[in-house]
Amino acid sequence: EVQLVESGGGLVQPGGSLRLSCAASGFTFSSAAMSWVRQASGKGLEWVSAINGENNITKYANSVKGRFTISRDTAKNTLYLQMNSLKPEDTAVYYCVKDEPGSWAYGSGTWYYTEGLYDYWGQGSQVTVSS
């Protein structure tokens, strides 16, 4: 059974940092494409970041580029999202998701990522950025 369990959310002041963790089990985590997505109250789902299962290449939404870092520890079967310089607009429930096979494709010397192809979700972790 696939399980994704997030932790590390909470309340932080603007400009602060948080690190989300996602403990994965039930599949071969080391070669799985994974993402973080978020949903603010009353808004739609927003993809945040992805990491390729073959080579750990990463992609970021423009709204978080330069502030967030996605990574994985295959020895611990854990996905991370390091969030720095947090802003009030980063307030949301953050979900760890497993990407479907085929979400990444290689062509013309570049890896392309298609967001929205998720087959498993964690329960979500609330991040609130407020003074």
C-alpha atoms as a PDB file:
ATOM      1  CA  GLU A   1       0.000   0.000   0.000  1.00  0.00           C
ATOM      2  CA  VAL A   2       1.367   3.398  -1.004  1.00  0.00           C
ATOM      3  CA  GLN A   3       1.600   5.873   1.855  1.00  0.00           C
ATOM      4  CA  LEU A   4       2.770   9.489   1.882  1.00  0.00           C
ATOM      5  CA  VAL A   5       2.879  11.184   5.277  1.00  0.00           C
ATOM      6  CA  GLU A   6       3.757  14.874   5.505  1.00  0.00           C
ATOM      7  CA  SER A   7       5.125  16.687   8.528  1.00  0.00           C
ATOM      8  CA  GLY A   8       6.789  19.981   9.367  1.00  0.00           C
ATOM      9  CA  GLY A   9       4.064  22.521   8.708  1.00  0.00           C
ATOM     10  CA  GLY A  10       3.099  25.275  11.102  1.00  0.00           C
ATOM     11  CA  LEU A  11       2.949  29.005  11.710  1.00  0.00           C
ATOM     12  CA  VAL A  12       5.886  31.171  10.663  1.00  0.00           C
ATOM     13  CA  GLN A  13       6.440  34.911  10.333  1.00  0.00           C
ATOM     14  CA  PRO A  14       7.010  36.514   6.918  1.00  0.00           C
ATOM     15  CA  GLY A  15      10.623  36.084   5.904  1.00  0.00           C
ATOM     16  CA  GLY A  16      10.976  32.920   7.948  1.00  0.00           C
ATOM     17  CA  SER A  17      11.725  29.330   6.938  1.00  0.00           C
ATOM     18  CA  LEU A  18      10.121  25.917   7.266  1.00  0.00           C
ATOM     19  CA  ARG A  19      11.023  22.468   6.015  1.00  0.00           C
ATOM     20  CA  LEU A  20       8.315  20.030   5.049  1.00  0.00           C
ATOM     21  CA  SER A  21       9.016  16.304   5.065  1.00  0.00           C
ATOM     22  CA  CYS A  22       7.144  13.480   3.355  1.00  0.00           C
ATOM     23  CA  ALA A  23       7.784   9.909   4.455  1.00  0.00           C
ATOM     24  CA  ALA A  24       7.087   7.540   1.575  1.00  0.00           C
ATOM     25  CA  SER A  25       6.393   3.801   1.606  1.00  0.00           C
ATOM     26  CA  GLY A  26       4.843   1.097  -0.534  1.00  0.00           C
ATOM     27  CA  PHE A  27       6.725   1.866  -3.759  1.00  0.00           C
ATOM     28  CA  THR A  28      10.271   2.332  -5.054  1.00  0.00           C
ATOM     29  CA  PHE A  29      10.816   5.851  -3.798  1.00  0.00           C
ATOM     30  CA  SER A  30      14.370   6.193  -5.115  1.00  0.00           C
ATOM     31  CA  SER A  31      13.210   6.093  -8.741  1.00  0.00           C
ATOM     32  CA  ALA A  32       9.833   7.764  -8.378  1.00  0.00           C
ATOM     33  CA  ALA A  33       9.010  11.222  -9.693  1.00  0.00           C
ATOM     34  CA  MET A  34       7.589  13.300  -6.853  1.00  0.00           C
ATOM     35  CA  SER A  35       6.081  16.735  -6.442  1.00  0.00           C
ATOM     36  CA  TRP A  36       4.771  19.208  -3.934  1.00  0.00           C
ATOM     37  CA  VAL A  37       1.496  20.963  -4.623  1.00  0.00           C
ATOM     38  CA  ARG A  38      -0.468  23.408  -2.493  1.00  0.00           C
ATOM     39  CA  GLN A  39      -3.963  24.734  -2.079  1.00  0.00           C
ATOM     40  CA  ALA A  40      -4.809  27.999  -0.411  1.00  0.00           C
ATOM     41  CA  SER A  41      -8.201  28.388   1.219  1.00  0.00           C
ATOM     42  CA  GLY A  42     -10.834  29.091  -1.422  1.00  0.00           C
ATOM     43  CA  LYS A  43      -8.396  28.691  -4.306  1.00  0.00           C
ATOM     44  CA  GLY A  44      -7.465  25.987  -6.760  1.00  0.00           C
ATOM     45  CA  LEU A  45      -4.590  23.563  -6.625  1.00  0.00           C
ATOM     46  CA  GLU A  46      -1.162  24.998  -7.450  1.00  0.00           C
ATOM     47  CA  TRP A  47       1.827  22.882  -8.416  1.00  0.00           C
ATOM     48  CA  VAL A  48       4.927  24.035  -6.494  1.00  0.00           C
ATOM     49  CA  SER A  49       7.893  21.834  -7.370  1.00  0.00           C
ATOM     50  CA  ALA A  50       8.874  18.486  -8.886  1.00  0.00           C
ATOM     51  CA  ILE A  51      11.860  16.169  -8.781  1.00  0.00           C
ATOM     52  CA  ASN A  52      12.679  13.652 -11.515  1.00  0.00           C
ATOM     53  CA  GLY A  53      12.960  10.014 -10.465  1.00  0.00           C
ATOM     54  CA  GLU A  54      15.782   9.165 -12.898  1.00  0.00           C
ATOM     55  CA  ASN A  55      18.275  11.943 -12.270  1.00  0.00           C
ATOM     56  CA  ASN A  56      16.795  14.200  -9.553  1.00  0.00           C
ATOM     57  CA  ILE A  57      16.419  17.125 -11.917  1.00  0.00           C
ATOM     58  CA  THR A  58      14.113  19.686 -10.306  1.00  0.00           C
ATOM     59  CA  LYS A  59      11.497  22.150 -11.512  1.00  0.00           C
ATOM     60  CA  TYR A  60       9.832  25.026  -9.673  1.00  0.00           C
ATOM     61  CA  ALA A  61       6.816  27.240 -10.114  1.00  0.00           C
ATOM     62  CA  ASN A  62       7.798  30.836 -10.817  1.00  0.00           C
ATOM     63  CA  SER A  63       6.098  31.901  -7.592  1.00  0.00           C
ATOM     64  CA  VAL A  64       8.601  29.939  -5.469  1.00  0.00           C
ATOM     65  CA  LYS A  65      11.726  29.826  -7.648  1.00  0.00           C
ATOM     66  CA  GLY A  66      14.798  30.918  -5.727  1.00  0.00           C
ATOM     67  CA  ARG A  67      13.057  30.515  -2.357  1.00  0.00           C
ATOM     68  CA  PHE A  68      12.027  26.829  -2.192  1.00  0.00           C
ATOM     69  CA  THR A  69      14.175  23.730  -2.672  1.00  0.00           C
ATOM     70  CA  ILE A  70      12.905  20.208  -3.271  1.00  0.00           C
ATOM     71  CA  SER A  71      15.127  17.247  -2.405  1.00  0.00           C
ATOM     72  CA  ARG A  72      15.010  13.600  -1.427  1.00  0.00           C
ATOM     73  CA  ASP A  73      16.877  11.267   0.908  1.00  0.00           C
ATOM     74  CA  THR A  74      16.619   7.790  -0.568  1.00  0.00           C
ATOM     75  CA  ALA A  75      18.130   6.158   2.547  1.00  0.00           C
ATOM     76  CA  LYS A  76      15.224   7.540   4.572  1.00  0.00           C
ATOM     77  CA  ASN A  77      12.591   7.301   1.819  1.00  0.00           C
ATOM     78  CA  THR A  78      11.783  10.928   2.497  1.00  0.00           C
ATOM     79  CA  LEU A  79      10.982  13.888   0.280  1.00  0.00           C
ATOM     80  CA  TYR A  80      11.659  17.418   1.499  1.00  0.00           C
ATOM     81  CA  LEU A  81      10.618  20.947   0.673  1.00  0.00           C
ATOM     82  CA  GLN A  82      12.833  23.620   2.184  1.00  0.00           C
ATOM     83  CA  MET A  83      10.932  26.917   2.177  1.00  0.00           C
ATOM     84  CA  ASN A  84      12.825  30.151   2.769  1.00  0.00           C
ATOM     85  CA  SER A  85      11.833  33.822   2.619  1.00  0.00           C
ATOM     86  CA  LEU A  86       8.235  32.828   3.188  1.00  0.00           C
ATOM     87  CA  LYS A  87       5.483  35.248   2.225  1.00  0.00           C
ATOM     88  CA  PRO A  88       1.844  35.484   3.382  1.00  0.00           C
ATOM     89  CA  GLU A  89       0.793  34.303  -0.079  1.00  0.00           C
ATOM     90  CA  ASP A  90       2.597  31.005   0.589  1.00  0.00           C
ATOM     91  CA  THR A  91      -0.086  30.188   3.156  1.00  0.00           C
ATOM     92  CA  ALA A  92      -1.750  26.951   2.059  1.00  0.00           C
ATOM     93  CA  VAL A  93      -2.134  23.254   2.686  1.00  0.00           C
ATOM     94  CA  TYR A  94       0.886  21.562   1.137  1.00  0.00           C
ATOM     95  CA  TYR A  95       0.589  18.074  -0.309  1.00  0.00           C
ATOM     96  CA  CYS A  96       3.290  15.590  -1.170  1.00  0.00           C
ATOM     97  CA  VAL A  97       2.276  13.723  -4.332  1.00  0.00           C
ATOM     98  CA  LYS A  98       3.675  10.894  -6.400  1.00  0.00           C
ATOM     99  CA  ASP A  99       3.772  11.721 -10.093  1.00  0.00           C
ATOM    100  CA  GLU A 100       2.440   9.237 -12.613  1.00  0.00           C
ATOM    101  CA  PRO A 101       4.980   7.543 -14.894  1.00  0.00           C
ATOM    102  CA  GLY A 102       5.376   9.693 -17.963  1.00  0.00           C
ATOM    103  CA  SER A 103       5.095  13.001 -16.131  1.00  0.00           C
ATOM    104  CA  TRP A 104       8.665  13.694 -17.228  1.00  0.00           C
ATOM    105  CA  ALA A 105       9.807  13.446 -20.849  1.00  0.00           C
ATOM    106  CA  TYR A 106      13.139  14.034 -22.543  1.00  0.00           C
ATOM    107  CA  GLY A 107      13.490  15.785 -25.863  1.00  0.00           C
ATOM    108  CA  SER A 108      15.834  18.159 -27.687  1.00  0.00           C
ATOM    109  CA  GLY A 109      18.340  18.007 -24.849  1.00  0.00           C
ATOM    110  CA  THR A 110      15.839  19.056 -22.197  1.00  0.00           C
ATOM    111  CA  TRP A 111      13.680  17.353 -19.614  1.00  0.00           C
ATOM    112  CA  TYR A 112      10.064  18.469 -19.731  1.00  0.00           C
ATOM    113  CA  TYR A 113       7.651  18.129 -16.835  1.00  0.00           C
ATOM    114  CA  THR A 114       3.874  17.916 -17.118  1.00  0.00           C
ATOM    115  CA  GLU A 115       2.108  18.953 -13.950  1.00  0.00           C
ATOM    116  CA  GLY A 116      -1.194  17.514 -12.832  1.00  0.00           C
ATOM    117  CA  LEU A 117      -0.429  13.828 -13.375  1.00  0.00           C
ATOM    118  CA  TYR A 118      -0.530  12.581  -9.801  1.00  0.00           C
ATOM    119  CA  ASP A 119      -1.448   9.076  -8.694  1.00  0.00           C
ATOM    120  CA  TYR A 120      -0.993   9.223  -4.905  1.00  0.00           C
ATOM    121  CA  TRP A 121      -1.399  12.025  -2.356  1.00  0.00           C
ATOM    122  CA  GLY A 122      -0.413  12.644   1.217  1.00  0.00           C
ATOM    123  CA  GLN A 123      -2.854  13.981   3.796  1.00  0.00           C
ATOM    124  CA  GLY A 124      -1.546  17.542   3.596  1.00  0.00           C
ATOM    125  CA  SER A 125       0.295  19.854   5.969  1.00  0.00           C
ATOM    126  CA  GLN A 126      -0.871  23.373   6.830  1.00  0.00           C
ATOM    127  CA  VAL A 127       1.643  26.186   6.379  1.00  0.00           C
ATOM    128  CA  THR A 128       0.580  29.604   7.651  1.00  0.00           C
ATOM    129  CA  VAL A 129       2.739  32.677   7.068  1.00  0.00           C
ATOM    130  CA  SER A 130       1.587  35.537   9.239  1.00  0.00           C
ATOM    131  CA  SER A 131       2.870  38.122  11.662  1.00  0.00           C
END
